[in-house]
Amino acid sequence: MKDYYKVLKIPRTASAAEIRRAFIDLMRIYHPDIAGDSPEVKRKIDEIIEAYSVLGNLDSRLKYSVQLNRSIKVPKLMDAEIKFNTANQKKAK
């Protein structure tokens, strides 16, 4: 899952105004008239637009943040718990 916060170079606690400002600033940097018309620039613009379309809307941002937290934190916690339980079971024997 893409981290749209990293795409827009903002913290997860960013306000709506900060998200909008980051979008505008990045679009100015990667505007084809300034950055050129290469496929890499087009890909970056598409990525920025995609990130803003998700984070710029409160409902979609909340859904995305829940999914992002699940994909990042839960597996790590589960792995740590499994390793911890396995280690304790070996010590108990």
N, C-alpha and C. Protein backbone atom coordinates (compact mmCIF):
# COMPACT_ATOMS: atom_id res chain seq x y z
N MET A 1 0.84 -1.18 0.00
CA MET A 1 0.00 0.00 0.00
C MET A 1 0.88 1.24 0.00
N LYS A 2 0.58 2.16 -0.90
CA LYS A 2 1.35 3.40 -0.98
C LYS A 2 1.11 4.25 0.27
N ASP A 3 2.14 4.91 0.70
CA ASP A 3 2.01 5.84 1.82
C ASP A 3 1.83 7.23 1.22
N TYR A 4 0.59 7.66 1.13
CA TYR A 4 0.28 8.95 0.52
C TYR A 4 0.82 10.11 1.33
N TYR A 5 1.03 9.90 2.62
CA TYR A 5 1.62 10.97 3.44
C TYR A 5 3.06 11.22 2.99
N LYS A 6 3.78 10.16 2.66
CA LYS A 6 5.15 10.31 2.16
C LYS A 6 5.15 10.94 0.77
N VAL A 7 4.17 10.57 -0.05
CA VAL A 7 4.08 11.14 -1.39
C VAL A 7 3.95 12.66 -1.31
N LEU A 8 3.09 13.13 -0.39
CA LEU A 8 2.88 14.58 -0.23
C LEU A 8 3.89 15.22 0.72
N LYS A 9 4.75 14.39 1.31
CA LYS A 9 5.79 14.88 2.23
C LYS A 9 5.22 15.64 3.41
N ILE A 10 4.22 15.00 4.04
CA ILE A 10 3.54 15.61 5.18
C ILE A 10 3.44 14.59 6.31
N PRO A 11 3.30 15.07 7.56
CA PRO A 11 3.10 14.13 8.67
C PRO A 11 1.66 13.60 8.66
N ARG A 12 1.44 12.50 9.32
CA ARG A 12 0.09 11.93 9.39
C ARG A 12 -0.87 12.82 10.17
N THR A 13 -0.34 13.73 10.91
CA THR A 13 -1.17 14.65 11.70
C THR A 13 -1.48 15.94 10.95
N ALA A 14 -1.15 16.01 9.68
CA ALA A 14 -1.33 17.23 8.89
C ALA A 14 -2.80 17.63 8.84
N SER A 15 -3.04 18.92 8.88
CA SER A 15 -4.40 19.45 8.77
C SER A 15 -4.82 19.47 7.30
N ALA A 16 -6.09 19.73 7.07
CA ALA A 16 -6.59 19.82 5.69
C ALA A 16 -5.86 20.93 4.93
N ALA A 17 -5.60 22.03 5.61
CA ALA A 17 -4.89 23.15 4.98
C ALA A 17 -3.46 22.76 4.62
N GLU A 18 -2.80 22.00 5.49
CA GLU A 18 -1.43 21.56 5.22
C GLU A 18 -1.39 20.56 4.04
N ILE A 19 -2.40 19.72 3.96
CA ILE A 19 -2.48 18.77 2.85
C ILE A 19 -2.65 19.52 1.54
N ARG A 20 -3.56 20.48 1.55
CA ARG A 20 -3.79 21.28 0.34
C ARG A 20 -2.54 22.05 -0.06
N ARG A 21 -1.86 22.65 0.90
CA ARG A 21 -0.65 23.42 0.63
C ARG A 21 0.44 22.52 0.05
N ALA A 22 0.60 21.31 0.61
CA ALA A 22 1.61 20.38 0.09
C ALA A 22 1.29 19.98 -1.34
N PHE A 23 0.01 19.74 -1.62
CA PHE A 23 -0.42 19.39 -2.97
C PHE A 23 -0.07 20.51 -3.96
N ILE A 24 -0.42 21.73 -3.61
CA ILE A 24 -0.18 22.87 -4.48
C ILE A 24 1.33 23.05 -4.70
N ASP A 25 2.09 22.97 -3.62
CA ASP A 25 3.55 23.15 -3.74
C ASP A 25 4.18 22.08 -4.63
N LEU A 26 3.78 20.83 -4.45
CA LEU A 26 4.34 19.75 -5.26
C LEU A 26 3.90 19.85 -6.72
N MET A 27 2.67 20.26 -6.95
CA MET A 27 2.21 20.41 -8.33
C MET A 27 2.96 21.54 -9.03
N ARG A 28 3.35 22.56 -8.29
CA ARG A 28 4.16 23.62 -8.89
C ARG A 28 5.54 23.11 -9.25
N ILE A 29 6.11 22.29 -8.37
CA ILE A 29 7.45 21.74 -8.62
C ILE A 29 7.45 20.82 -9.83
N TYR A 30 6.42 19.97 -9.92
CA TYR A 30 6.37 18.96 -10.99
C TYR A 30 5.53 19.37 -12.19
N HIS A 31 5.13 20.61 -12.25
CA HIS A 31 4.35 21.08 -13.41
C HIS A 31 5.18 20.87 -14.67
N PRO A 32 4.56 20.36 -15.74
CA PRO A 32 5.31 20.08 -16.98
C PRO A 32 6.04 21.29 -17.56
N ASP A 33 5.51 22.47 -17.38
CA ASP A 33 6.19 23.67 -17.88
C ASP A 33 7.50 23.94 -17.14
N ILE A 34 7.58 23.44 -15.91
CA ILE A 34 8.77 23.67 -15.09
C ILE A 34 9.69 22.44 -15.08
N ALA A 35 9.10 21.27 -14.84
CA ALA A 35 9.90 20.05 -14.67
C ALA A 35 10.11 19.27 -15.96
N GLY A 36 9.46 19.69 -17.02
CA GLY A 36 9.59 18.96 -18.27
C GLY A 36 8.42 18.01 -18.49
N ASP A 37 8.49 17.30 -19.58
CA ASP A 37 7.36 16.45 -19.97
C ASP A 37 7.77 14.98 -20.05
N SER A 38 8.66 14.57 -19.16
CA SER A 38 9.16 13.19 -19.19
C SER A 38 8.14 12.23 -18.57
N PRO A 39 8.25 10.95 -18.88
CA PRO A 39 7.35 9.95 -18.27
C PRO A 39 7.47 9.93 -16.75
N GLU A 40 8.67 10.16 -16.23
CA GLU A 40 8.87 10.18 -14.78
C GLU A 40 8.09 11.33 -14.14
N VAL A 41 8.09 12.48 -14.76
CA VAL A 41 7.35 13.63 -14.23
C VAL A 41 5.85 13.34 -14.29
N LYS A 42 5.38 12.76 -15.37
CA LYS A 42 3.96 12.40 -15.49
C LYS A 42 3.56 11.40 -14.41
N ARG A 43 4.44 10.41 -14.15
CA ARG A 43 4.15 9.42 -13.12
C ARG A 43 4.08 10.09 -11.75
N LYS A 44 4.99 11.01 -11.48
CA LYS A 44 5.01 11.71 -10.20
C LYS A 44 3.76 12.57 -10.02
N ILE A 45 3.34 13.24 -11.08
CA ILE A 45 2.13 14.05 -11.02
C ILE A 45 0.91 13.17 -10.74
N ASP A 46 0.83 12.04 -11.43
CA ASP A 46 -0.28 11.10 -11.18
C ASP A 46 -0.29 10.62 -9.74
N GLU A 47 0.89 10.35 -9.20
CA GLU A 47 1.01 9.90 -7.81
C GLU A 47 0.56 10.99 -6.83
N ILE A 48 0.95 12.22 -7.09
CA ILE A 48 0.56 13.35 -6.23
C ILE A 48 -0.95 13.56 -6.29
N ILE A 49 -1.52 13.50 -7.48
CA ILE A 49 -2.96 13.67 -7.63
C ILE A 49 -3.71 12.56 -6.91
N GLU A 50 -3.22 11.33 -7.05
CA GLU A 50 -3.85 10.19 -6.37
C GLU A 50 -3.80 10.38 -4.85
N ALA A 51 -2.64 10.79 -4.34
CA ALA A 51 -2.50 11.01 -2.90
C ALA A 51 -3.44 12.10 -2.41
N TYR A 52 -3.52 13.18 -3.16
CA TYR A 52 -4.40 14.29 -2.75
C TYR A 52 -5.87 13.89 -2.85
N SER A 53 -6.23 13.09 -3.84
CA SER A 53 -7.63 12.68 -3.97
C SER A 53 -8.08 11.84 -2.77
N VAL A 54 -7.14 11.13 -2.16
CA VAL A 54 -7.46 10.32 -0.97
C VAL A 54 -7.38 11.17 0.29
N LEU A 55 -6.27 11.88 0.47
CA LEU A 55 -6.07 12.62 1.72
C LEU A 55 -6.82 13.94 1.77
N GLY A 56 -7.20 14.46 0.63
CA GLY A 56 -7.91 15.73 0.58
C GLY A 56 -9.38 15.64 0.95
N ASN A 57 -9.90 14.43 1.02
CA ASN A 57 -11.29 14.20 1.39
C ASN A 57 -11.30 13.51 2.75
N LEU A 58 -11.99 14.08 3.72
CA LEU A 58 -11.94 13.56 5.09
C LEU A 58 -12.40 12.11 5.18
N ASP A 59 -13.50 11.76 4.53
CA ASP A 59 -13.99 10.37 4.61
C ASP A 59 -12.99 9.38 4.03
N SER A 60 -12.46 9.69 2.84
CA SER A 60 -11.51 8.76 2.24
C SER A 60 -10.20 8.74 3.02
N ARG A 61 -9.83 9.88 3.62
CA ARG A 61 -8.61 9.91 4.43
C ARG A 61 -8.74 9.02 5.66
N LEU A 62 -9.89 9.06 6.30
CA LEU A 62 -10.10 8.22 7.49
C LEU A 62 -10.05 6.75 7.12
N LYS A 63 -10.72 6.37 6.04
CA LYS A 63 -10.70 4.97 5.59
C LYS A 63 -9.28 4.54 5.23
N TYR A 64 -8.57 5.40 4.53
CA TYR A 64 -7.20 5.10 4.13
C TYR A 64 -6.30 4.96 5.36
N SER A 65 -6.43 5.85 6.33
CA SER A 65 -5.59 5.80 7.52
C SER A 65 -5.82 4.51 8.30
N VAL A 66 -7.06 4.06 8.38
CA VAL A 66 -7.35 2.80 9.06
C VAL A 66 -6.67 1.65 8.32
N GLN A 67 -6.81 1.62 7.00
CA GLN A 67 -6.16 0.56 6.21
C GLN A 67 -4.65 0.62 6.33
N LEU A 68 -4.10 1.81 6.30
CA LEU A 68 -2.65 1.97 6.41
C LEU A 68 -2.15 1.48 7.77
N ASN A 69 -2.86 1.84 8.83
CA ASN A 69 -2.47 1.40 10.17
C ASN A 69 -2.56 -0.11 10.29
N ARG A 70 -3.58 -0.70 9.70
CA ARG A 70 -3.70 -2.17 9.75
C ARG A 70 -2.55 -2.83 9.00
N SER A 71 -2.20 -2.29 7.84
CA SER A 71 -1.16 -2.93 7.04
C SER A 71 0.23 -2.73 7.63
N ILE A 72 0.42 -1.70 8.42
CA ILE A 72 1.74 -1.42 8.97
C ILE A 72 1.91 -2.00 10.37
N LYS A 73 0.97 -1.76 11.25
CA LYS A 73 1.15 -2.10 12.66
C LYS A 73 0.73 -3.52 13.01
N VAL A 74 -0.40 -3.97 12.52
CA VAL A 74 -0.93 -5.25 12.96
C VAL A 74 0.00 -6.40 12.64
N PRO A 75 0.48 -6.55 11.41
CA PRO A 75 1.38 -7.67 11.14
C PRO A 75 2.63 -7.65 12.01
N LYS A 76 3.20 -6.49 12.25
CA LYS A 76 4.39 -6.40 13.08
C LYS A 76 4.09 -6.83 14.51
N LEU A 77 2.96 -6.39 15.04
CA LEU A 77 2.59 -6.77 16.39
C LEU A 77 2.32 -8.27 16.47
N MET A 78 1.66 -8.81 15.47
CA MET A 78 1.36 -10.23 15.46
C MET A 78 2.65 -11.04 15.38
N ASP A 79 3.58 -10.62 14.54
CA ASP A 79 4.86 -11.33 14.43
C ASP A 79 5.60 -11.30 15.76
N ALA A 80 5.61 -10.15 16.41
CA ALA A 80 6.30 -10.01 17.69
C ALA A 80 5.63 -10.90 18.74
N GLU A 81 4.31 -10.95 18.72
CA GLU A 81 3.58 -11.78 19.68
C GLU A 81 3.87 -13.26 19.44
N ILE A 82 3.90 -13.66 18.20
CA ILE A 82 4.18 -15.06 17.87
C ILE A 82 5.59 -15.43 18.32
N LYS A 83 6.57 -14.57 18.03
CA LYS A 83 7.94 -14.82 18.45
C LYS A 83 8.05 -14.88 19.97
N PHE A 84 7.35 -13.98 20.65
CA PHE A 84 7.38 -13.94 22.11
C PHE A 84 6.78 -15.22 22.67
N ASN A 85 5.61 -15.62 22.16
CA ASN A 85 4.96 -16.82 22.65
C ASN A 85 5.79 -18.07 22.37
N THR A 86 6.40 -18.13 21.21
CA THR A 86 7.25 -19.27 20.85
C THR A 86 8.45 -19.35 21.78
N ALA A 87 9.07 -18.23 22.07
CA ALA A 87 10.23 -18.20 22.96
C ALA A 87 9.83 -18.63 24.37
N ASN A 88 8.69 -18.18 24.85
CA ASN A 88 8.24 -18.54 26.19
C ASN A 88 7.89 -20.02 26.27
N GLN A 89 7.33 -20.59 25.22
CA GLN A 89 7.00 -22.01 25.21
C GLN A 89 8.26 -22.86 25.26
N LYS A 90 9.32 -22.42 24.58
CA LYS A 90 10.58 -23.15 24.59
C LYS A 90 11.21 -23.09 25.97
N LYS A 91 11.12 -21.94 26.63
CA LYS A 91 11.70 -21.80 27.97
C LYS A 91 10.95 -22.66 28.99
N ALA A 92 9.64 -22.79 28.81
CA ALA A 92 8.81 -23.54 29.75
C ALA A 92 9.10 -25.03 29.67
N LYS A 93 9.57 -25.51 28.55
CA LYS A 93 9.84 -26.94 28.39
C LYS A 93 11.09 -27.30 29.03
